[in-house]
Amino acid sequence: MTLNRHSQVVVAAALVAIAVVTVRSLQARAIDSRDKMRQEAAQQSAKAAKAFDAIMQVPDKAIPRELLAKARAIAVFPQVVKVALTVGGEGGRGVVSRRHGEAWGRPIFFRGGGPSFGAQVGATSTDYFVLLMNDESLDGLMKDRFEFGGEVGVAAGPVGRNAGAGTDALMQAAILTYSRSRGVFAGVNLKGVVLKPEDSLNLAVYNETAEELLKEPADGDATTESELGAFPRALARYMGNSKSDR
């Protein structure tokens, strides 16, 4: 049956309307998904901030501040739970902030895994802390896959106010690592752990990859004063940087 001119116009209009509705529906879903990922990113930053605050509350057992002052970047992987020999799901996610002068940059999102990451079993979770001490270790983060101890030296970090007195060798390490589990905080050897950028989250939040973000200068107060800035604000609290601690 051949449609007359009027019927053809009606059908065409209906098809256009369906197409418009479909496109708008897809756009709404994309926006909703992006908003959820931004909320997820803010939660990750807050978890890392809480974990970092927890270890720094006891100065006699905390990361020495002279090491924090020398670090080029700091990473925190909170609530890591061992799954077989790898890290999976929420447990293997972390946040990295790069220091630019006296300011800490916006949180950048990574995942970690490996035979040493998540040394506890069952429901016990462990917080991991990583100090990247030089340009070589920082450059490693810009790769798609960065293994601790693979190309740069990694060592268990010293703790406490007086730890720096006899740790000149450790202070020369490219990466210093720590863990906190069941209230016990100490240096830990994470050699063999692999970090990978979680760029699905970085792109959703910043429209940039981890590599691009790590190359950029500090982004000012816009991020650090938002919910997303919980982690750099926590770092600033222990660096005497009141500008970011608001």
Protein backbone atom coordinates (compact mmCIF):
# COMPACT_ATOMS: atom_id res chain seq x y z
CA MET A 1 0.00 0.00 0.00
CA THR A 2 1.34 3.37 -1.03
CA LEU A 3 1.13 6.16 1.53
CA ASN A 4 -0.19 9.51 0.40
CA ARG A 5 1.81 12.68 0.87
CA HIS A 6 0.19 13.55 4.19
CA SER A 7 0.79 10.10 5.64
CA GLN A 8 4.44 10.21 4.57
CA VAL A 9 4.89 13.52 6.36
CA VAL A 10 3.26 12.13 9.51
CA VAL A 11 5.46 9.04 9.50
CA ALA A 12 8.61 11.09 8.92
CA ALA A 13 7.69 13.44 11.76
CA ALA A 14 7.06 10.48 14.07
CA LEU A 15 10.44 8.97 13.20
CA VAL A 16 12.19 12.27 13.86
CA ALA A 17 10.39 12.60 17.20
CA ILE A 18 11.44 9.08 18.19
CA ALA A 19 15.04 9.82 17.21
CA VAL A 20 15.07 13.04 19.25
CA VAL A 21 13.64 11.30 22.30
CA THR A 22 16.19 8.49 21.97
CA VAL A 23 19.13 10.89 21.68
CA ARG A 24 17.93 12.93 24.66
CA SER A 25 17.47 9.78 26.70
CA LEU A 26 21.00 8.64 25.91
CA GLN A 27 22.37 12.08 26.75
CA ALA A 28 20.51 12.09 30.06
CA ARG A 29 21.91 8.66 30.91
CA ALA A 30 25.43 9.81 30.05
CA ILE A 31 25.07 12.90 32.25
CA ASP A 32 23.64 10.81 35.08
CA SER A 33 26.51 8.32 34.79
CA ARG A 34 29.07 11.13 34.80
CA ASP A 35 27.49 12.71 37.89
CA LYS A 36 27.65 9.36 39.69
CA MET A 37 31.33 8.97 38.79
CA ARG A 38 32.08 12.46 40.09
CA GLN A 39 30.38 11.59 43.38
CA GLU A 40 32.40 8.38 43.44
CA ALA A 41 35.60 10.38 42.89
CA ALA A 42 34.75 12.72 45.77
CA GLN A 43 34.16 9.71 48.02
CA GLN A 44 37.54 8.25 47.04
CA SER A 45 39.25 11.53 47.88
CA ALA A 46 37.46 11.66 51.25
CA LYS A 47 38.47 8.06 52.09
CA ALA A 48 42.11 8.79 51.30
CA ALA A 49 41.99 11.97 53.40
CA LYS A 50 40.51 10.09 56.37
CA ALA A 51 43.17 7.38 56.15
CA PHE A 52 45.99 9.93 55.94
CA ASP A 53 44.63 11.91 58.89
CA ALA A 54 44.45 8.69 60.92
CA ILE A 55 48.15 7.88 60.56
CA MET A 56 49.30 11.43 61.20
CA GLN A 57 47.36 11.83 64.46
CA VAL A 58 50.09 10.06 66.48
CA PRO A 59 53.32 11.99 65.73
CA ASP A 60 55.57 9.41 67.42
CA LYS A 61 54.39 6.75 64.95
CA ALA A 62 53.48 8.82 61.90
CA ILE A 63 55.26 9.43 58.61
CA PRO A 64 58.11 11.87 59.42
CA ARG A 65 57.18 15.34 58.25
CA GLU A 66 60.64 15.91 56.81
CA LEU A 67 59.87 13.10 54.36
CA LEU A 68 56.48 14.59 53.50
CA ALA A 69 58.25 17.88 52.77
CA LYS A 70 60.58 16.13 50.31
CA ALA A 71 57.91 14.06 48.53
CA ARG A 72 57.05 14.98 44.95
CA ALA A 73 53.72 13.15 45.16
CA ILE A 74 51.78 11.11 47.71
CA ALA A 75 49.40 8.23 47.04
CA VAL A 76 46.93 6.65 49.44
CA PHE A 77 45.07 3.39 48.82
CA PRO A 78 42.51 3.06 51.63
CA GLN A 79 40.74 -0.10 52.77
CA VAL A 80 42.58 -2.58 50.56
CA VAL A 81 41.30 -6.13 50.98
CA LYS A 82 43.16 -9.13 49.63
CA VAL A 83 41.38 -11.18 46.97
CA ALA A 84 43.48 -14.24 46.04
CA LEU A 85 46.81 -12.73 44.86
CA THR A 86 45.42 -9.51 43.46
CA VAL A 87 43.47 -6.47 44.52
CA GLY A 88 39.93 -6.25 43.22
CA GLY A 89 36.93 -3.98 43.37
CA GLU A 90 36.78 -1.08 45.77
CA GLY A 91 39.77 -2.28 47.76
CA GLY A 92 42.37 -1.62 45.08
CA ARG A 93 41.54 1.99 44.35
CA GLY A 94 43.61 4.97 45.37
CA VAL A 95 44.28 8.66 44.99
CA VAL A 96 47.47 10.50 44.05
CA SER A 97 48.25 14.18 44.58
CA ARG A 98 51.32 15.89 43.16
CA ARG A 99 53.08 18.70 45.01
CA HIS A 100 53.63 21.94 43.11
CA GLY A 101 55.79 24.18 45.27
CA GLU A 102 53.84 24.59 48.50
CA ALA A 103 50.51 23.46 47.01
CA TRP A 104 49.09 19.98 46.53
CA GLY A 105 47.40 19.29 43.21
CA ARG A 106 43.96 17.86 42.59
CA PRO A 107 43.40 14.17 43.31
CA ILE A 108 44.19 11.79 40.46
CA PHE A 109 42.74 8.30 40.50
CA PHE A 110 44.63 4.99 40.22
CA ARG A 111 44.19 1.28 40.80
CA GLY A 112 46.77 -1.00 42.37
CA GLY A 113 47.40 -4.72 42.45
CA GLY A 114 50.06 -7.36 42.92
CA PRO A 115 51.19 -10.22 45.16
CA SER A 116 52.15 -7.89 48.02
CA PHE A 117 49.21 -5.53 47.87
CA GLY A 118 46.64 -6.52 50.47
CA ALA A 119 48.71 -8.67 52.80
CA GLN A 120 45.73 -9.28 55.09
CA VAL A 121 43.11 -11.98 54.57
CA GLY A 122 39.36 -12.04 54.97
CA ALA A 123 37.51 -8.99 56.23
CA THR A 124 40.66 -7.22 57.43
CA SER A 125 41.41 -4.14 55.37
CA THR A 126 44.70 -2.29 55.09
CA ASP A 127 45.50 1.30 54.18
CA TYR A 128 48.60 1.80 52.02
CA PHE A 129 50.61 5.00 51.71
CA VAL A 130 53.20 5.76 49.04
CA LEU A 131 55.65 8.67 48.97
CA LEU A 132 57.18 9.34 45.56
CA MET A 133 60.40 11.13 46.33
CA ASN A 134 61.92 12.16 42.99
CA ASP A 135 61.20 12.93 39.35
CA GLU A 136 61.99 9.38 38.24
CA SER A 137 59.28 7.88 40.43
CA LEU A 138 56.84 10.60 39.39
CA ASP A 139 57.55 9.92 35.72
CA GLY A 140 56.75 6.27 36.34
CA LEU A 141 53.17 7.17 37.29
CA MET A 142 52.64 8.64 33.83
CA LYS A 143 52.98 5.20 32.26
CA ASP A 144 50.09 2.85 31.57
CA ARG A 145 51.62 0.36 34.02
CA PHE A 146 54.09 1.19 36.78
CA GLU A 147 55.63 -1.54 38.96
CA PHE A 148 57.20 -0.65 42.29
CA GLY A 149 60.80 -1.75 42.29
CA GLY A 150 60.74 -2.49 38.59
CA GLU A 151 62.65 0.57 37.42
CA VAL A 152 63.10 2.69 40.54
CA GLY A 153 64.06 1.81 44.09
CA VAL A 154 61.33 1.16 46.66
CA ALA A 155 61.79 0.77 50.41
CA ALA A 156 59.73 0.43 53.56
CA GLY A 157 59.53 3.93 55.03
CA PRO A 158 60.65 4.92 58.53
CA VAL A 159 58.14 6.16 61.09
CA GLY A 160 58.14 8.53 64.05
CA ARG A 161 59.51 11.94 64.90
CA ASN A 162 63.11 10.78 65.20
CA ALA A 163 63.08 8.28 62.35
CA GLY A 164 65.08 10.56 60.07
CA ALA A 165 68.16 10.49 62.31
CA GLY A 166 69.44 7.11 61.11
CA THR A 167 67.65 6.72 57.79
CA ASP A 168 69.75 8.70 55.31
CA ALA A 169 69.83 5.68 53.00
CA LEU A 170 66.05 5.34 53.08
CA MET A 171 65.65 9.03 52.40
CA GLN A 172 67.53 8.50 49.14
CA ALA A 173 64.98 5.90 47.96
CA ALA A 174 62.79 6.83 45.02
CA ILE A 175 59.67 5.46 46.72
CA LEU A 176 58.84 4.97 50.41
CA THR A 177 55.86 2.81 51.38
CA TYR A 178 53.76 2.29 54.50
CA SER A 179 50.73 0.32 55.65
CA ARG A 180 48.17 0.61 58.43
CA SER A 181 46.03 -2.33 59.51
CA ARG A 182 44.01 -2.82 62.72
CA GLY A 183 45.58 0.30 64.15
CA VAL A 184 49.16 -0.88 63.52
CA PHE A 185 51.17 1.47 61.31
CA ALA A 186 54.62 0.67 59.89
CA GLY A 187 56.80 0.75 56.83
CA VAL A 188 56.08 -2.06 54.39
CA ASN A 189 57.81 -3.38 51.29
CA LEU A 190 55.43 -3.16 48.32
CA LYS A 191 57.94 -4.29 45.70
CA GLY A 192 56.07 -5.91 42.81
CA VAL A 193 52.88 -3.89 43.25
CA VAL A 194 51.59 -2.46 39.97
CA LEU A 195 49.76 0.85 39.64
CA LYS A 196 47.54 1.72 36.69
CA PRO A 197 45.64 4.96 36.04
CA GLU A 198 41.88 4.71 36.57
CA ASP A 199 41.28 6.95 33.58
CA SER A 200 37.58 6.17 33.30
CA LEU A 201 37.22 8.15 36.53
CA ASN A 202 39.82 10.80 35.64
CA LEU A 203 38.12 11.47 32.30
CA ALA A 204 34.68 11.65 33.91
CA VAL A 205 35.88 14.23 36.44
CA TYR A 206 38.48 16.23 34.53
CA ASN A 207 38.18 15.27 30.85
CA GLU A 208 41.88 14.40 31.08
CA THR A 209 43.99 11.30 31.66
CA ALA A 210 46.26 10.73 34.66
CA GLU A 211 49.31 11.43 32.49
CA GLU A 212 47.90 14.80 31.40
CA LEU A 213 46.91 15.71 34.95
CA LEU A 214 50.31 14.85 36.41
CA LYS A 215 52.03 17.12 33.89
CA GLU A 216 49.90 20.13 34.76
CA PRO A 217 50.61 22.74 37.45
CA ALA A 218 48.41 23.00 40.53
CA ASP A 219 44.86 23.95 39.58
CA GLY A 220 44.25 26.54 42.31
CA ASP A 221 41.49 26.70 44.89
CA ALA A 222 38.61 25.63 42.63
CA THR A 223 39.21 21.93 43.25
CA THR A 224 40.82 22.00 46.68
CA GLU A 225 37.85 23.83 48.20
CA SER A 226 35.31 21.40 46.78
CA GLU A 227 34.34 17.95 48.08
CA LEU A 228 36.82 16.54 45.59
CA GLY A 229 39.64 18.39 47.34
CA ALA A 230 39.46 16.50 50.65
CA PHE A 231 42.70 14.62 49.96
CA PRO A 232 44.96 17.57 49.00
CA ARG A 233 43.55 19.50 51.97
CA ALA A 234 44.53 16.63 54.29
CA LEU A 235 48.07 16.64 52.89
CA ALA A 236 48.31 20.40 53.36
CA ARG A 237 47.41 20.10 57.05
CA TYR A 238 50.75 18.41 57.68
CA MET A 239 52.83 20.66 55.47
CA GLY A 240 52.13 23.99 57.17
CA ASN A 241 50.16 25.11 54.10
CA SER A 242 47.13 26.90 55.51
CA LYS A 243 45.99 28.16 52.12
CA SER A 244 44.62 24.76 51.12
CA ASP A 245 43.42 23.85 54.60
CA ARG A 246 40.02 25.50 54.61
